[in-house]
């Protein structure tokens, strides 16, 4: 029964390849190793697969963290811009025109 399932897995992999889907080399090697009952090779390939999955998850986690930081950065920049415009408005209202230059505000005319 196990050999039949492995053969059908190999046929499925061949169908995927001919349909143009990428099938990793280690997947085909694993299927062939299982068909030939090479348990040592199967264990090595399964370890390689687990390592691949772990690194993939780590990369995706880091990408999500970086996206979150980028969003926080944008929010902070927007808040800073709002505060700057408020401060500029207050300086223009409260200070005489001669003092504006001290705050980096120049008459736009």
N, C-alpha and C. Protein backbone atom coordinates (compact mmCIF):
# COMPACT_ATOMS: atom_id res chain seq x y z
N UNK A 1 0.82 -1.20 0.00
CA UNK A 1 0.00 0.00 0.00
C UNK A 1 0.86 1.26 0.00
N UNK A 2 1.97 1.23 0.78
CA UNK A 2 2.84 2.39 0.88
C UNK A 2 3.52 2.69 -0.45
N UNK A 3 3.95 1.64 -1.16
CA UNK A 3 4.60 1.84 -2.45
C UNK A 3 3.66 2.48 -3.46
N UNK A 4 2.40 2.11 -3.43
CA UNK A 4 1.42 2.69 -4.36
C UNK A 4 1.26 4.18 -4.08
N UNK A 5 1.20 4.56 -2.82
CA UNK A 5 1.05 5.97 -2.46
C UNK A 5 2.28 6.75 -2.91
N UNK A 6 3.49 6.18 -2.74
CA UNK A 6 4.71 6.85 -3.17
C UNK A 6 4.74 7.01 -4.68
N UNK A 7 4.30 5.99 -5.39
CA UNK A 7 4.26 6.10 -6.85
C UNK A 7 3.27 7.17 -7.29
N UNK A 8 2.13 7.24 -6.61
CA UNK A 8 1.17 8.27 -6.97
C UNK A 8 1.72 9.65 -6.64
N UNK A 9 2.53 9.76 -5.58
CA UNK A 9 3.18 11.03 -5.26
C UNK A 9 4.16 11.42 -6.35
N UNK A 10 4.92 10.44 -6.84
CA UNK A 10 5.86 10.70 -7.92
C UNK A 10 5.11 11.13 -9.18
N UNK A 11 4.02 10.45 -9.49
CA UNK A 11 3.22 10.84 -10.66
C UNK A 11 2.66 12.24 -10.50
N UNK A 12 2.23 12.57 -9.28
CA UNK A 12 1.72 13.92 -9.01
C UNK A 12 2.82 14.95 -9.23
N UNK A 13 4.03 14.66 -8.75
CA UNK A 13 5.15 15.57 -8.94
C UNK A 13 5.47 15.75 -10.42
N UNK A 14 5.44 14.67 -11.17
CA UNK A 14 5.69 14.74 -12.61
C UNK A 14 4.61 15.58 -13.30
N UNK A 15 3.36 15.39 -12.90
CA UNK A 15 2.26 16.20 -13.47
C UNK A 15 2.44 17.68 -13.14
N UNK A 16 2.86 17.97 -11.91
CA UNK A 16 3.09 19.37 -11.53
C UNK A 16 4.21 19.99 -12.35
N UNK A 17 5.29 19.22 -12.56
CA UNK A 17 6.41 19.72 -13.35
C UNK A 17 5.98 19.99 -14.79
N UNK A 18 5.27 19.04 -15.39
CA UNK A 18 4.85 19.22 -16.78
C UNK A 18 3.82 20.33 -16.90
N UNK A 19 3.08 20.63 -15.83
CA UNK A 19 2.11 21.73 -15.86
C UNK A 19 2.79 23.08 -15.64
N UNK A 20 4.08 23.06 -15.30
CA UNK A 20 4.82 24.30 -15.15
C UNK A 20 4.97 24.79 -13.73
N UNK A 21 4.50 24.01 -12.76
CA UNK A 21 4.65 24.41 -11.36
C UNK A 21 6.06 24.06 -10.88
N UNK A 22 6.68 24.94 -10.07
CA UNK A 22 8.02 24.62 -9.56
C UNK A 22 7.94 23.56 -8.47
N UNK A 23 8.70 22.51 -8.64
CA UNK A 23 8.77 21.46 -7.62
C UNK A 23 10.23 21.37 -7.21
N UNK A 24 10.48 21.52 -5.91
CA UNK A 24 11.86 21.55 -5.42
C UNK A 24 12.52 20.19 -5.63
N UNK A 25 13.81 20.27 -5.89
CA UNK A 25 14.61 19.06 -6.13
C UNK A 25 14.55 18.10 -4.94
N UNK A 26 14.56 18.66 -3.72
CA UNK A 26 14.54 17.78 -2.55
C UNK A 26 13.22 17.03 -2.42
N UNK A 27 12.13 17.61 -2.97
CA UNK A 27 10.84 16.91 -2.93
C UNK A 27 10.90 15.66 -3.80
N UNK A 28 11.41 15.83 -5.02
CA UNK A 28 11.55 14.68 -5.91
C UNK A 28 12.51 13.64 -5.33
N UNK A 29 13.62 14.11 -4.77
CA UNK A 29 14.59 13.19 -4.18
C UNK A 29 13.97 12.43 -3.01
N UNK A 30 13.16 13.13 -2.22
CA UNK A 30 12.48 12.48 -1.09
C UNK A 30 11.53 11.40 -1.58
N UNK A 31 10.78 11.71 -2.61
CA UNK A 31 9.83 10.73 -3.15
C UNK A 31 10.58 9.50 -3.67
N UNK A 32 11.65 9.75 -4.42
CA UNK A 32 12.45 8.64 -4.95
C UNK A 32 13.09 7.85 -3.81
N UNK A 33 13.60 8.57 -2.79
CA UNK A 33 14.23 7.89 -1.64
C UNK A 33 13.22 7.02 -0.91
N UNK A 34 11.99 7.50 -0.78
CA UNK A 34 10.96 6.71 -0.11
C UNK A 34 10.60 5.48 -0.95
N UNK A 35 10.58 5.66 -2.27
CA UNK A 35 10.26 4.52 -3.14
C UNK A 35 11.35 3.45 -3.06
N UNK A 36 12.60 3.88 -2.93
CA UNK A 36 13.71 2.92 -2.85
C UNK A 36 13.97 2.49 -1.41
N UNK A 37 13.19 3.05 -0.49
CA UNK A 37 13.27 2.73 0.94
C UNK A 37 14.65 3.06 1.52
N UNK A 38 15.23 4.17 1.08
CA UNK A 38 16.51 4.65 1.60
C UNK A 38 16.21 5.59 2.77
N UNK A 39 16.05 5.01 3.96
CA UNK A 39 15.63 5.77 5.14
C UNK A 39 16.64 6.82 5.57
N UNK A 40 17.92 6.56 5.36
CA UNK A 40 18.96 7.52 5.74
C UNK A 40 18.82 8.80 4.91
N UNK A 41 18.62 8.63 3.61
CA UNK A 41 18.44 9.78 2.73
C UNK A 41 17.14 10.51 3.04
N UNK A 42 16.10 9.76 3.34
CA UNK A 42 14.81 10.37 3.69
C UNK A 42 14.97 11.23 4.94
N UNK A 43 15.65 10.73 5.95
CA UNK A 43 15.86 11.48 7.20
C UNK A 43 16.65 12.76 6.94
N UNK A 44 17.70 12.64 6.11
CA UNK A 44 18.51 13.81 5.77
C UNK A 44 17.68 14.86 5.04
N UNK A 45 16.87 14.43 4.10
CA UNK A 45 16.04 15.36 3.34
C UNK A 45 14.95 15.99 4.20
N UNK A 46 14.38 15.21 5.11
CA UNK A 46 13.38 15.76 6.01
C UNK A 46 14.00 16.81 6.93
N UNK A 47 15.24 16.58 7.37
CA UNK A 47 15.95 17.56 8.20
C UNK A 47 16.19 18.84 7.40
N UNK A 48 16.59 18.68 6.14
CA UNK A 48 16.81 19.84 5.27
C UNK A 48 15.51 20.62 5.08
N UNK A 49 14.42 19.91 4.92
CA UNK A 49 13.11 20.54 4.76
C UNK A 49 12.73 21.32 6.02
N UNK A 50 12.93 20.72 7.19
CA UNK A 50 12.62 21.40 8.45
C UNK A 50 13.45 22.66 8.61
N UNK A 51 14.71 22.59 8.21
CA UNK A 51 15.59 23.76 8.26
C UNK A 51 15.07 24.85 7.32
N UNK A 52 14.65 24.44 6.13
CA UNK A 52 14.09 25.39 5.16
C UNK A 52 12.85 26.07 5.72
N UNK A 53 11.95 25.29 6.31
CA UNK A 53 10.71 25.84 6.88
C UNK A 53 11.03 26.81 8.01
N UNK A 54 11.97 26.44 8.87
CA UNK A 54 12.34 27.31 10.00
C UNK A 54 12.91 28.64 9.51
N UNK A 55 13.78 28.59 8.51
CA UNK A 55 14.36 29.84 7.99
C UNK A 55 13.31 30.66 7.26
N UNK A 56 12.38 30.01 6.57
CA UNK A 56 11.31 30.72 5.87
C UNK A 56 10.43 31.45 6.88
N UNK A 57 10.08 30.77 7.97
CA UNK A 57 9.26 31.39 9.01
C UNK A 57 10.00 32.57 9.65
N UNK A 58 11.29 32.41 9.89
CA UNK A 58 12.09 33.49 10.48
C UNK A 58 12.12 34.70 9.55
N UNK A 59 12.27 34.46 8.26
CA UNK A 59 12.30 35.56 7.29
C UNK A 59 10.96 36.28 7.25
N UNK A 60 9.87 35.52 7.21
CA UNK A 60 8.54 36.13 7.17
C UNK A 60 8.24 36.92 8.45
N UNK A 61 8.69 36.41 9.59
CA UNK A 61 8.50 37.11 10.86
C UNK A 61 9.26 38.43 10.85
N UNK A 62 10.49 38.41 10.36
CA UNK A 62 11.29 39.63 10.28
C UNK A 62 10.67 40.64 9.31
N UNK A 63 10.15 40.16 8.18
CA UNK A 63 9.49 41.06 7.23
C UNK A 63 8.28 41.73 7.87
N UNK A 64 7.50 40.97 8.63
CA UNK A 64 6.33 41.53 9.31
C UNK A 64 6.76 42.58 10.34
N UNK A 65 7.82 42.30 11.07
CA UNK A 65 8.33 43.25 12.06
C UNK A 65 8.78 44.54 11.39
N UNK A 66 9.48 44.42 10.26
CA UNK A 66 9.94 45.60 9.54
C UNK A 66 8.78 46.41 8.96
N UNK A 67 7.74 45.72 8.48
CA UNK A 67 6.55 46.43 7.98
C UNK A 67 5.90 47.22 9.11
N UNK A 68 5.81 46.60 10.28
CA UNK A 68 5.20 47.27 11.43
C UNK A 68 6.02 48.51 11.82
N UNK A 69 7.35 48.38 11.82
CA UNK A 69 8.21 49.52 12.13
C UNK A 69 8.05 50.65 11.11
N UNK A 70 7.92 50.29 9.85
CA UNK A 70 7.73 51.29 8.80
C UNK A 70 6.42 52.05 9.00
N UNK A 71 5.37 51.34 9.37
CA UNK A 71 4.08 51.97 9.64
C UNK A 71 4.19 52.92 10.83
N UNK A 72 4.85 52.48 11.90
CA UNK A 72 5.05 53.34 13.07
C UNK A 72 5.86 54.58 12.70
N UNK A 73 6.87 54.41 11.86
CA UNK A 73 7.70 55.54 11.42
C UNK A 73 6.85 56.56 10.67
N UNK A 74 5.99 56.09 9.77
CA UNK A 74 5.13 57.01 9.02
C UNK A 74 4.20 57.77 9.95
N UNK A 75 3.61 57.06 10.91
CA UNK A 75 2.71 57.72 11.87
C UNK A 75 3.46 58.79 12.66
N UNK A 76 4.65 58.46 13.11
CA UNK A 76 5.45 59.41 13.88
C UNK A 76 5.79 60.63 13.03
N UNK A 77 6.16 60.42 11.78
CA UNK A 77 6.49 61.54 10.89
C UNK A 77 5.27 62.44 10.68
N UNK A 78 4.09 61.85 10.54
CA UNK A 78 2.86 62.64 10.38
C UNK A 78 2.59 63.46 11.64
N UNK A 79 2.77 62.84 12.81
CA UNK A 79 2.57 63.56 14.07
C UNK A 79 3.56 64.72 14.21
N UNK A 80 4.82 64.49 13.84
CA UNK A 80 5.83 65.54 13.90
C UNK A 80 5.45 66.68 12.97
N UNK A 81 4.98 66.36 11.77
CA UNK A 81 4.58 67.40 10.82
C UNK A 81 3.42 68.22 11.37
N UNK A 82 2.44 67.55 11.99
CA UNK A 82 1.31 68.27 12.58
C UNK A 82 1.78 69.21 13.69
N UNK A 83 2.64 68.69 14.57
CA UNK A 83 3.16 69.52 15.66
C UNK A 83 3.96 70.71 15.12
N UNK A 84 4.74 70.48 14.08
CA UNK A 84 5.52 71.56 13.49
C UNK A 84 4.60 72.66 12.95
N UNK A 85 3.55 72.26 12.25
CA UNK A 85 2.62 73.25 11.69
C UNK A 85 1.89 74.01 12.79
N UNK A 86 1.53 73.31 13.87
CA UNK A 86 0.90 73.99 15.01
C UNK A 86 1.86 75.00 15.64
N UNK A 87 3.09 74.58 15.85
CA UNK A 87 4.10 75.47 16.45
C UNK A 87 4.35 76.67 15.55
N UNK A 88 4.42 76.45 14.29
CA UNK A 88 4.64 77.53 13.33
C UNK A 88 3.50 78.54 13.38
N UNK A 89 2.28 78.02 13.44
CA UNK A 89 1.10 78.88 13.51
C UNK A 89 1.10 79.71 14.79
N UNK A 90 1.46 79.06 15.91
CA UNK A 90 1.51 79.78 17.20
C UNK A 90 2.57 80.88 17.16
N UNK A 91 3.75 80.56 16.61
CA UNK A 91 4.81 81.56 16.52
C UNK A 91 4.35 82.74 15.67
N UNK A 92 3.69 82.47 14.57
CA UNK A 92 3.22 83.55 13.70
C UNK A 92 2.17 84.41 14.40
N UNK A 93 1.33 83.78 15.22
CA UNK A 93 0.28 84.54 15.90
C UNK A 93 0.81 85.31 17.10
N UNK A 94 1.70 84.71 17.86
CA UNK A 94 2.12 85.28 19.14
C UNK A 94 3.36 86.17 19.06
N UNK A 95 4.22 85.95 18.12
CA UNK A 95 5.47 86.70 18.05
C UNK A 95 5.38 87.80 17.00
N UNK A 96 6.11 88.87 17.22
CA UNK A 96 6.18 89.89 16.17
C UNK A 96 6.97 89.35 14.97
N UNK A 97 6.70 89.91 13.82
CA UNK A 97 7.30 89.44 12.58
C UNK A 97 8.83 89.43 12.63
N UNK A 98 9.40 90.35 13.36
CA UNK A 98 10.86 90.45 13.44
C UNK A 98 11.49 89.23 14.14
N UNK A 99 10.75 88.57 15.00
CA UNK A 99 11.26 87.42 15.76
C UNK A 99 11.09 86.09 15.01
N UNK A 100 10.32 86.07 13.94
CA UNK A 100 10.04 84.82 13.22
C UNK A 100 11.32 84.12 12.76
N UNK A 101 12.30 84.90 12.31
CA UNK A 101 13.54 84.32 11.79
C UNK A 101 14.26 83.48 12.84
N UNK A 102 14.13 83.86 14.10
CA UNK A 102 14.77 83.10 15.18
C UNK A 102 14.22 81.68 15.27
N UNK A 103 12.98 81.50 14.81
CA UNK A 103 12.32 80.19 14.85
C UNK A 103 12.33 79.50 13.49
N UNK A 104 13.07 80.07 12.56
CA UNK A 104 13.17 79.46 11.24
C UNK A 104 11.95 79.70 10.37
N UNK A 105 11.19 80.73 10.67
CA UNK A 105 10.00 81.05 9.89
C UNK A 105 10.26 82.36 9.16
N UNK A 106 10.07 82.34 7.88
CA UNK A 106 10.29 83.53 7.08
C UNK A 106 9.00 83.90 6.37
N UNK A 107 8.83 85.17 6.10
CA UNK A 107 7.64 85.64 5.40
C UNK A 107 7.64 85.04 4.00
N UNK A 108 6.55 84.40 3.65
CA UNK A 108 6.49 83.68 2.37
C UNK A 108 6.20 84.58 1.18
N UNK A 109 6.01 85.87 1.42
CA UNK A 109 5.70 86.79 0.30
C UNK A 109 6.93 87.21 -0.43
